[in-house]
Protein backbone atom coordinates (compact mmCIF):
# COMPACT_ATOMS: atom_id res chain seq x y z
CA MET A 1 12.77 3.84 31.29
CA PRO A 2 9.21 5.11 30.20
CA ASP A 3 10.95 7.20 27.30
CA GLU A 4 12.85 3.90 26.30
CA GLN A 5 9.71 1.99 26.24
CA ARG A 6 8.00 4.47 24.32
CA GLY A 7 10.92 4.54 21.75
CA THR A 8 10.83 0.77 21.40
CA ARG A 9 7.08 0.87 20.93
CA ASN A 10 7.52 3.53 18.19
CA ARG A 11 10.04 1.27 16.64
CA VAL A 12 7.45 -1.78 16.62
CA ALA A 13 4.89 0.68 15.18
CA ARG A 14 7.34 1.76 12.49
CA SER A 15 8.46 -1.59 11.38
CA ILE A 16 4.75 -2.57 11.12
CA LEU A 17 4.30 0.79 8.63
CA ASP A 18 7.38 -0.26 6.61
CA HIS A 19 6.65 -3.99 6.24
CA GLY A 20 2.93 -4.33 6.47
CA PRO A 21 0.89 -6.36 9.04
CA SER A 22 3.34 -8.58 10.91
CA THR A 23 3.44 -11.33 13.37
CA ALA A 24 5.16 -11.08 16.84
CA ALA A 25 7.72 -13.47 15.48
CA GLU A 26 8.63 -11.49 12.49
CA LEU A 27 8.69 -7.94 14.62
CA ALA A 28 11.04 -9.78 17.18
CA MET A 29 13.53 -10.92 14.60
CA ARG A 30 13.52 -7.41 12.67
CA LEU A 31 14.03 -5.45 15.78
CA ASN A 32 16.27 -7.85 17.70
CA LEU A 33 13.97 -8.33 20.61
CA THR A 34 12.37 -11.17 22.39
CA GLN A 35 8.92 -12.16 21.35
CA ALA A 36 7.97 -11.68 24.87
CA ALA A 37 8.84 -8.09 24.74
CA VAL A 38 7.39 -7.61 21.40
CA ARG A 39 4.09 -8.78 22.86
CA ARG A 40 4.15 -6.51 25.82
CA HIS A 41 4.41 -3.55 23.47
CA LEU A 42 2.02 -4.83 21.04
CA ASP A 43 -0.49 -5.19 23.94
CA THR A 44 0.16 -1.56 24.73
CA LEU A 45 -0.19 -0.36 21.28
CA VAL A 46 -3.43 -2.28 20.88
CA ALA A 47 -4.69 -0.58 24.11
CA GLU A 48 -3.79 2.81 22.60
CA GLY A 49 -5.53 1.81 19.28
CA VAL A 50 -2.49 2.25 17.24
CA VAL A 51 -2.44 -1.36 16.03
CA GLU A 52 -4.94 -4.12 15.86
CA PRO A 53 -4.76 -7.91 15.62
CA ARG A 54 -5.77 -9.62 12.52
CA GLU A 55 -6.00 -13.13 11.13
CA LYS A 56 -3.16 -13.46 8.53
CA ARG A 57 -4.36 -13.25 4.94
CA VAL A 58 -3.39 -16.39 3.02
CA TYR A 59 -2.90 -16.62 -0.66
CA GLY A 60 -3.45 -19.90 -2.48
CA ALA A 61 -4.05 -23.32 -0.56
CA ARG A 62 -4.71 -22.76 3.15
CA THR A 63 -2.36 -25.12 5.28
CA ARG A 64 -3.47 -26.96 8.50
CA GLY A 65 -3.36 -25.48 11.85
CA ARG A 66 -4.62 -22.21 13.32
CA PRO A 67 -3.91 -19.01 11.01
CA ALA A 68 -1.24 -16.83 12.46
CA LYS A 69 -2.18 -13.53 14.16
CA VAL A 70 -0.68 -10.60 12.60
CA PHE A 71 -0.81 -7.01 13.88
CA ALA A 72 -1.56 -4.11 11.50
CA LEU A 73 -1.73 -0.34 11.91
CA THR A 74 -5.11 1.27 12.50
CA ASP A 75 -6.35 4.48 10.99
CA CYS A 76 -5.38 6.15 14.14
CA GLY A 77 -1.72 4.68 13.84
CA ARG A 78 -1.43 5.72 10.31
CA ASP A 79 -2.27 9.28 11.39
CA ALA A 80 0.81 9.44 13.45
CA PHE A 81 2.97 8.90 10.44
CA ASP A 82 0.57 10.45 7.92
CA GLN A 83 1.43 14.40 6.92
CA ALA A 84 -1.02 14.33 3.90
CA TYR A 85 -3.48 17.05 4.51
CA ASP A 86 -6.41 14.83 4.05
CA GLN A 87 -9.47 17.57 4.69
CA LEU A 88 -7.80 19.91 2.31
CA ALA A 89 -7.42 17.57 -0.42
CA GLY A 90 -10.79 15.93 -0.03
CA ASP A 91 -12.37 19.46 -0.22
CA ALA A 92 -10.26 20.39 -3.35
CA LEU A 93 -11.25 17.32 -5.01
CA ARG A 94 -14.94 17.83 -4.23
CA TRP A 95 -14.51 21.36 -5.45
CA ILE A 96 -13.25 20.09 -8.78
CA ALA A 97 -16.09 17.73 -9.39
CA GLU A 98 -18.69 20.44 -8.46
CA SER A 99 -17.03 22.79 -10.70
CA ALA A 100 -17.21 20.33 -13.53
CA GLY A 101 -21.03 20.10 -12.87
CA GLY A 102 -21.06 16.98 -10.61
CA GLY A 103 -22.38 13.76 -11.77
CA GLU A 104 -20.50 11.72 -14.35
CA ALA A 105 -18.73 14.80 -15.57
CA GLY A 106 -17.54 15.35 -11.95
CA GLU A 107 -16.20 12.09 -11.60
CA ALA A 108 -14.41 12.47 -14.93
CA ALA A 109 -12.78 15.73 -13.96
CA ILE A 110 -11.54 13.79 -10.63
CA ALA A 111 -10.15 11.03 -12.78
CA ALA A 112 -8.28 13.43 -15.26
CA PHE A 113 -6.73 15.21 -12.15
CA ALA A 114 -5.73 11.77 -10.75
CA ARG A 115 -4.06 10.85 -14.10
CA ALA A 116 -2.22 14.18 -14.48
CA ARG A 117 -0.93 13.93 -10.76
CA MET A 118 0.31 10.27 -11.20
CA THR A 119 1.90 11.13 -14.65
CA ALA A 120 3.93 14.04 -13.21
CA GLN A 121 4.95 11.83 -10.33
CA ALA A 122 5.93 9.05 -12.58
CA GLU A 123 8.53 10.93 -14.55
CA GLY A 124 10.94 10.33 -11.60
CA TYR A 125 9.94 6.73 -11.44
CA ARG A 126 10.66 6.33 -15.36
CA GLU A 127 14.21 7.51 -14.92
CA ALA A 128 14.71 4.84 -12.10
CA LEU A 129 13.33 2.06 -14.29
CA ASP A 130 15.01 2.89 -17.25
CA ARG A 131 18.47 2.55 -15.64
CA ALA A 132 17.26 -0.98 -14.29
CA ALA A 133 17.81 -4.23 -15.69
CA PRO A 134 14.38 -5.88 -16.88
CA GLU A 135 14.23 -8.11 -14.09
CA GLU A 136 15.16 -5.31 -11.63
CA ARG A 137 12.33 -3.06 -12.84
CA ALA A 138 9.71 -3.91 -9.91
CA HIS A 139 12.47 -3.36 -7.41
CA ALA A 140 13.52 -0.18 -8.92
CA LEU A 141 9.95 0.88 -8.76
CA ALA A 142 9.69 -0.10 -5.18
CA ARG A 143 12.70 1.96 -4.28
CA ALA A 144 11.26 5.18 -6.11
CA LEU A 145 7.86 4.66 -4.36
CA THR A 146 9.65 4.26 -0.93
CA ALA A 147 11.58 7.54 -1.64
CA ASP A 148 8.08 9.13 -1.92
CA GLY A 149 6.71 7.61 1.42
CA TYR A 150 5.22 4.52 0.21
CA ALA A 151 7.38 2.17 2.18
CA ALA A 152 7.20 -0.32 -0.84
CA THR A 153 8.97 -3.65 -1.52
CA ALA A 154 8.63 -6.24 -4.26
CA ARG A 155 8.90 -10.08 -4.14
CA SER A 156 8.63 -12.97 -6.16
CA ALA A 157 5.09 -14.49 -6.61
CA PRO A 158 3.80 -17.32 -8.80
CA VAL A 159 4.33 -16.53 -12.59
CA GLY A 160 5.36 -12.90 -11.45
CA GLU A 161 6.05 -10.60 -8.90
CA GLN A 162 4.02 -8.68 -6.27
CA LEU A 163 4.68 -4.87 -5.57
CA CYS A 164 3.64 -4.15 -2.04
CA GLN A 165 2.98 -0.58 -0.67
CA HIS A 166 3.05 -0.83 3.14
CA HIS A 167 1.84 2.92 3.59
CA CYS A 168 -0.24 5.27 1.37
CA PRO A 169 0.18 9.13 2.30
CA VAL A 170 -3.21 9.47 0.55
CA ALA A 171 -5.22 6.58 1.73
CA HIS A 172 -8.03 8.60 3.57
CA VAL A 173 -8.60 10.61 0.43
CA ALA A 174 -8.50 7.56 -1.71
CA GLU A 175 -11.36 6.13 0.53
CA GLN A 176 -13.52 8.68 -0.99
CA PHE A 177 -11.86 8.97 -4.48
CA PRO A 178 -10.93 5.70 -5.93
CA GLN A 179 -9.75 7.48 -9.12
CA LEU A 180 -6.56 7.82 -7.28
CA CYS A 181 -5.79 4.26 -6.93
CA GLU A 182 -6.99 3.57 -10.54
CA ALA A 183 -4.81 6.09 -11.90
CA GLU A 184 -1.66 4.84 -9.80
CA THR A 185 -2.45 1.42 -11.29
CA GLU A 186 -2.70 2.80 -14.76
CA VAL A 187 0.83 4.30 -14.36
CA PHE A 188 2.40 1.19 -12.87
CA SER A 189 1.20 -0.62 -16.16
CA ARG A 190 2.78 1.98 -18.43
CA LEU A 191 5.94 2.10 -16.52
CA LEU A 192 6.40 -1.72 -16.25
CA GLY A 193 5.03 -2.16 -19.87
CA THR A 194 2.63 -4.81 -19.04
CA HIS A 195 -0.88 -5.36 -17.52
CA VAL A 196 -0.99 -5.34 -13.80
CA GLN A 197 -3.63 -6.28 -11.38
CA ARG A 198 -4.52 -4.58 -8.21
CA LEU A 199 -5.22 -7.18 -5.43
CA ALA A 200 -5.65 -4.97 -2.55
CA THR A 201 -5.51 -1.51 -1.20
CA ILE A 202 -5.01 0.40 2.17
CA ALA A 203 -7.69 2.67 1.26
CA HIS A 204 -10.40 -0.06 1.41
CA GLY A 205 -9.33 -1.70 4.67
CA ASP A 206 -6.46 -3.86 3.54
CA GLY A 207 -3.05 -3.97 5.60
CA VAL A 208 -1.13 -3.12 2.30
CA CYS A 209 -1.69 -2.22 -1.14
CA THR A 210 -0.74 -5.25 -3.45
CA THR A 211 -0.15 -5.06 -7.18
CA PHE A 212 0.39 -8.25 -9.23
CA ILE A 213 2.92 -7.94 -11.92
CA PRO A 214 3.00 -10.81 -14.50
CA ARG A 215 6.26 -12.28 -15.60
CA SER A 216 7.16 -11.46 -19.16
CA GLY A 217 5.58 -13.61 -21.48
CA THR A 218 2.64 -14.58 -19.21
CA PRO A 219 -0.54 -14.73 -21.42
CA LYS A 220 -2.77 -11.78 -20.72
CA THR A 221 -5.67 -13.65 -19.80
CA THR A 222 -4.01 -14.30 -16.39
CA THR A 223 -3.77 -10.58 -15.75
CA THR A 224 -7.14 -9.09 -16.36
CA ALA A 225 -7.22 -5.25 -16.86
CA SER A 226 -6.07 -3.42 -13.50
CA THR A 227 -8.52 -0.84 -13.42
CA SER A 228 -11.52 -2.82 -12.72
CA THR A 229 -10.19 -3.74 -9.25
CA ALA A 230 -7.81 -0.70 -8.41
CA GLY A 231 -9.00 1.21 -5.32
CA ARG A 232 -11.60 -1.40 -4.47
CA ASN A 233 -11.38 -4.70 -2.64
CA PRO A 234 -11.71 -7.63 -4.96
CA ALA A 235 -14.55 -10.05 -4.40
């Protein structure tokens, strides 16, 4: 029985990883469990420091009533799934910055590395998008990102779509080097052929990386340049 319970708790944590911060009701529906059972597992995961309760983030006008409580993975919880070698990557990027002379030159060197890394990674994404119909390109990108470990989804949003990455293998490194997020956002813009806007990032405390993709024909003034907020929480 203990092994069975641990297996179910792992399924609960994995569902939060794949779908982002979730309510007990959402988890119960996905996992075909009762809400009471899910809440018991969530209580244990909270006690273990794997997940934490948060107020559900609301976009647009807030409805009446108490905001729903969602459960998100903590840094400790993400570490259980994260195979990125954070310390090694951080040391390597600091070495790149110091070798370039530090200061602005160092930051420019890191940005150049981040762009080169994402450009190479995006070659496979481009093939997937080229095979997709225009209205399916965001979903094609989400599937390609998921194959690389980002647990990504795409969904409709007012005047466009939202690309959500529920996991980031390099989130801890991106906390120190936002150039990684900025390069990723630039690549998304090139792949999709439109300006995009980064609304939130895991690296800076949000439960999910969220990128807004405007619908074709939307005026550019509604989607300001993405790199101004990439890798940073917008005000």
